[in-house]
Amino acid sequence: MKAETQDMIYKINPKSEDSQENLDLYKLIGRIIGKAIFEQMTIPVQLDRLLLKQIIQKDFSIEDLATLDKSVMN
């Protein structure tokens, strides 16, 4: 995962290696977030809109894609 420096929005790094270690780390992060949701705990992390929509199983929109690539909206 990477964070944008100004707003500290965490998103999946598209340049990260496709390795078992990274997949295990994403799984761990998912479990931590899932546990926080289950326990109704607030965690001090702002996730990317696409990542949040994936968690709550909502469809993506064109506007959501702009968070990945600003040229989509131009």
N, C-alpha and C. Protein backbone atom coordinates (compact mmCIF):
# COMPACT_ATOMS: atom_id res chain seq x y z
N MET A 1 0.85 -1.17 0.00
CA MET A 1 0.00 0.00 0.00
C MET A 1 0.90 1.23 0.00
N LYS A 2 0.37 2.28 -0.50
CA LYS A 2 1.11 3.54 -0.45
C LYS A 2 0.16 4.64 -0.03
N ALA A 3 0.73 5.70 0.48
CA ALA A 3 -0.08 6.83 0.92
C ALA A 3 0.33 8.05 0.12
N GLU A 4 -0.66 8.82 -0.28
CA GLU A 4 -0.36 10.12 -0.89
C GLU A 4 0.01 11.05 0.25
N THR A 5 1.02 11.85 0.06
CA THR A 5 1.58 12.60 1.17
C THR A 5 0.68 13.68 1.72
N GLN A 6 -0.06 14.40 0.90
CA GLN A 6 -0.84 15.52 1.40
C GLN A 6 -2.05 15.07 2.22
N ASP A 7 -2.84 14.18 1.69
CA ASP A 7 -4.08 13.78 2.35
C ASP A 7 -3.96 12.46 3.08
N MET A 8 -2.85 11.75 2.92
CA MET A 8 -2.64 10.44 3.52
C MET A 8 -3.77 9.49 3.18
N ILE A 9 -4.06 9.36 1.91
CA ILE A 9 -5.06 8.41 1.44
C ILE A 9 -4.31 7.15 1.03
N TYR A 10 -4.65 6.03 1.65
CA TYR A 10 -3.98 4.78 1.36
C TYR A 10 -4.65 4.07 0.20
N LYS A 11 -3.82 3.58 -0.71
CA LYS A 11 -4.33 2.85 -1.87
C LYS A 11 -3.36 1.74 -2.22
N ILE A 12 -3.80 0.80 -3.01
CA ILE A 12 -2.93 -0.29 -3.45
C ILE A 12 -1.94 0.28 -4.46
N ASN A 13 -0.68 -0.03 -4.26
CA ASN A 13 0.37 0.46 -5.14
C ASN A 13 0.40 -0.40 -6.41
N PRO A 14 0.08 0.16 -7.56
CA PRO A 14 0.07 -0.63 -8.79
C PRO A 14 1.46 -1.10 -9.22
N LYS A 15 2.51 -0.52 -8.65
CA LYS A 15 3.88 -0.90 -9.01
C LYS A 15 4.46 -1.96 -8.07
N SER A 16 3.67 -2.40 -7.09
CA SER A 16 4.19 -3.40 -6.16
C SER A 16 4.31 -4.75 -6.86
N GLU A 17 5.24 -5.55 -6.37
CA GLU A 17 5.47 -6.87 -6.96
C GLU A 17 4.28 -7.78 -6.68
N ASP A 18 4.05 -8.68 -7.60
CA ASP A 18 2.97 -9.66 -7.45
C ASP A 18 3.58 -10.90 -6.78
N SER A 19 3.84 -10.77 -5.48
CA SER A 19 4.49 -11.86 -4.76
C SER A 19 3.59 -12.40 -3.67
N GLN A 20 3.90 -13.58 -3.19
CA GLN A 20 3.12 -14.19 -2.11
C GLN A 20 3.22 -13.36 -0.85
N GLU A 21 4.39 -12.77 -0.61
CA GLU A 21 4.56 -11.92 0.58
C GLU A 21 3.61 -10.72 0.56
N ASN A 22 3.52 -10.05 -0.59
CA ASN A 22 2.60 -8.91 -0.71
C ASN A 22 1.15 -9.35 -0.56
N LEU A 23 0.79 -10.48 -1.17
CA LEU A 23 -0.58 -10.98 -1.04
C LEU A 23 -0.90 -11.29 0.42
N ASP A 24 0.06 -11.85 1.14
CA ASP A 24 -0.14 -12.14 2.56
C ASP A 24 -0.32 -10.86 3.36
N LEU A 25 0.44 -9.83 3.02
CA LEU A 25 0.31 -8.55 3.71
C LEU A 25 -1.05 -7.90 3.43
N TYR A 26 -1.51 -7.97 2.18
CA TYR A 26 -2.84 -7.43 1.85
C TYR A 26 -3.92 -8.20 2.60
N LYS A 27 -3.75 -9.50 2.71
CA LYS A 27 -4.72 -10.32 3.45
C LYS A 27 -4.75 -9.91 4.93
N LEU A 28 -3.57 -9.68 5.50
CA LEU A 28 -3.48 -9.25 6.89
C LEU A 28 -4.16 -7.90 7.10
N ILE A 29 -3.88 -6.96 6.21
CA ILE A 29 -4.51 -5.64 6.30
C ILE A 29 -6.02 -5.77 6.19
N GLY A 30 -6.48 -6.62 5.29
CA GLY A 30 -7.91 -6.85 5.14
C GLY A 30 -8.54 -7.41 6.40
N ARG A 31 -7.84 -8.32 7.05
CA ARG A 31 -8.36 -8.89 8.30
C ARG A 31 -8.41 -7.84 9.41
N ILE A 32 -7.40 -7.00 9.46
CA ILE A 32 -7.39 -5.94 10.48
C ILE A 32 -8.55 -4.98 10.25
N ILE A 33 -8.75 -4.57 9.00
CA ILE A 33 -9.86 -3.66 8.69
C ILE A 33 -11.20 -4.35 8.96
N GLY A 34 -11.31 -5.62 8.55
CA GLY A 34 -12.53 -6.37 8.79
C GLY A 34 -12.84 -6.50 10.28
N LYS A 35 -11.82 -6.76 11.08
CA LYS A 35 -12.02 -6.86 12.53
C LYS A 35 -12.47 -5.53 13.11
N ALA A 36 -11.87 -4.44 12.63
CA ALA A 36 -12.27 -3.11 13.11
C ALA A 36 -13.73 -2.82 12.75
N ILE A 37 -14.14 -3.19 11.54
CA ILE A 37 -15.53 -2.99 11.13
C ILE A 37 -16.45 -3.84 12.00
N PHE A 38 -16.08 -5.10 12.21
CA PHE A 38 -16.89 -6.00 13.02
C PHE A 38 -17.05 -5.49 14.45
N GLU A 39 -15.98 -4.96 15.01
CA GLU A 39 -15.99 -4.46 16.38
C GLU A 39 -16.51 -3.02 16.47
N GLN A 40 -16.90 -2.45 15.32
CA GLN A 40 -17.38 -1.07 15.23
C GLN A 40 -16.36 -0.09 15.79
N MET A 41 -15.11 -0.32 15.41
CA MET A 41 -14.01 0.54 15.85
C MET A 41 -13.63 1.50 14.73
N THR A 42 -13.26 2.69 15.10
CA THR A 42 -12.76 3.66 14.13
C THR A 42 -11.25 3.51 14.06
N ILE A 43 -10.75 3.40 12.84
CA ILE A 43 -9.30 3.34 12.67
C ILE A 43 -8.85 4.63 11.97
N PRO A 44 -7.73 5.18 12.40
CA PRO A 44 -7.29 6.48 11.87
C PRO A 44 -6.58 6.35 10.51
N VAL A 45 -7.29 5.79 9.54
CA VAL A 45 -6.72 5.58 8.21
C VAL A 45 -7.76 5.98 7.18
N GLN A 46 -7.36 6.76 6.19
CA GLN A 46 -8.26 7.12 5.11
C GLN A 46 -7.89 6.28 3.89
N LEU A 47 -8.82 5.44 3.44
CA LEU A 47 -8.59 4.57 2.30
C LEU A 47 -9.10 5.21 1.02
N ASP A 48 -8.52 4.80 -0.08
CA ASP A 48 -8.92 5.26 -1.40
C ASP A 48 -10.39 4.88 -1.65
N ARG A 49 -11.09 5.71 -2.39
CA ARG A 49 -12.51 5.50 -2.69
C ARG A 49 -12.76 4.15 -3.35
N LEU A 50 -11.92 3.75 -4.30
CA LEU A 50 -12.11 2.47 -4.97
C LEU A 50 -11.95 1.31 -4.00
N LEU A 51 -10.99 1.42 -3.10
CA LEU A 51 -10.77 0.38 -2.10
C LEU A 51 -11.97 0.27 -1.16
N LEU A 52 -12.51 1.41 -0.75
CA LEU A 52 -13.69 1.40 0.12
C LEU A 52 -14.90 0.80 -0.59
N LYS A 53 -15.09 1.16 -1.84
CA LYS A 53 -16.24 0.62 -2.58
C LYS A 53 -16.11 -0.89 -2.77
N GLN A 54 -14.88 -1.37 -2.92
CA GLN A 54 -14.65 -2.81 -3.02
C GLN A 54 -15.03 -3.49 -1.71
N ILE A 55 -14.67 -2.88 -0.59
CA ILE A 55 -14.99 -3.45 0.72
C ILE A 55 -16.49 -3.55 0.94
N ILE A 56 -17.24 -2.51 0.56
CA ILE A 56 -18.69 -2.52 0.79
C ILE A 56 -19.47 -3.04 -0.43
N GLN A 57 -18.74 -3.58 -1.40
CA GLN A 57 -19.31 -4.23 -2.58
C GLN A 57 -20.24 -3.31 -3.38
N LYS A 58 -19.78 -2.10 -3.63
CA LYS A 58 -20.50 -1.14 -4.47
C LYS A 58 -19.81 -1.07 -5.83
N ASP A 59 -20.57 -0.73 -6.87
CA ASP A 59 -20.01 -0.58 -8.20
C ASP A 59 -19.18 0.69 -8.29
N PHE A 60 -18.17 0.66 -9.15
CA PHE A 60 -17.32 1.83 -9.39
C PHE A 60 -17.96 2.73 -10.43
N SER A 61 -17.61 4.01 -10.38
CA SER A 61 -18.08 4.95 -11.39
C SER A 61 -16.85 5.59 -12.07
N ILE A 62 -17.10 6.32 -13.12
CA ILE A 62 -16.02 7.02 -13.81
C ILE A 62 -15.33 8.00 -12.86
N GLU A 63 -16.11 8.67 -12.03
CA GLU A 63 -15.53 9.62 -11.07
C GLU A 63 -14.59 8.92 -10.10
N ASP A 64 -14.92 7.69 -9.74
CA ASP A 64 -14.05 6.92 -8.85
C ASP A 64 -12.71 6.62 -9.51
N LEU A 65 -12.75 6.37 -10.81
CA LEU A 65 -11.51 6.06 -11.53
C LEU A 65 -10.56 7.25 -11.56
N ALA A 66 -11.09 8.45 -11.42
CA ALA A 66 -10.24 9.64 -11.41
C ALA A 66 -9.29 9.64 -10.22
N THR A 67 -9.62 8.91 -9.16
CA THR A 67 -8.71 8.82 -8.03
C THR A 67 -7.45 8.04 -8.39
N LEU A 68 -7.55 7.18 -9.39
CA LEU A 68 -6.39 6.42 -9.86
C LEU A 68 -5.62 7.16 -10.95
N ASP A 69 -6.37 7.78 -11.85
CA ASP A 69 -5.77 8.45 -13.00
C ASP A 69 -6.50 9.75 -13.25
N LYS A 70 -5.87 10.84 -12.92
CA LYS A 70 -6.51 12.16 -13.04
C LYS A 70 -6.86 12.50 -14.50
N SER A 71 -6.19 11.89 -15.47
CA SER A 71 -6.46 12.18 -16.87
C SER A 71 -7.81 11.62 -17.31
N VAL A 72 -8.43 10.74 -16.54
CA VAL A 72 -9.74 10.18 -16.90
C VAL A 72 -10.79 11.27 -16.99
N MET A 73 -10.69 12.27 -16.14
CA MET A 73 -11.69 13.32 -16.10
C MET A 73 -11.39 14.48 -17.05
N ASN A 74 -10.28 14.44 -17.74
CA ASN A 74 -9.92 15.54 -18.67
C ASN A 74 -10.44 15.30 -20.05
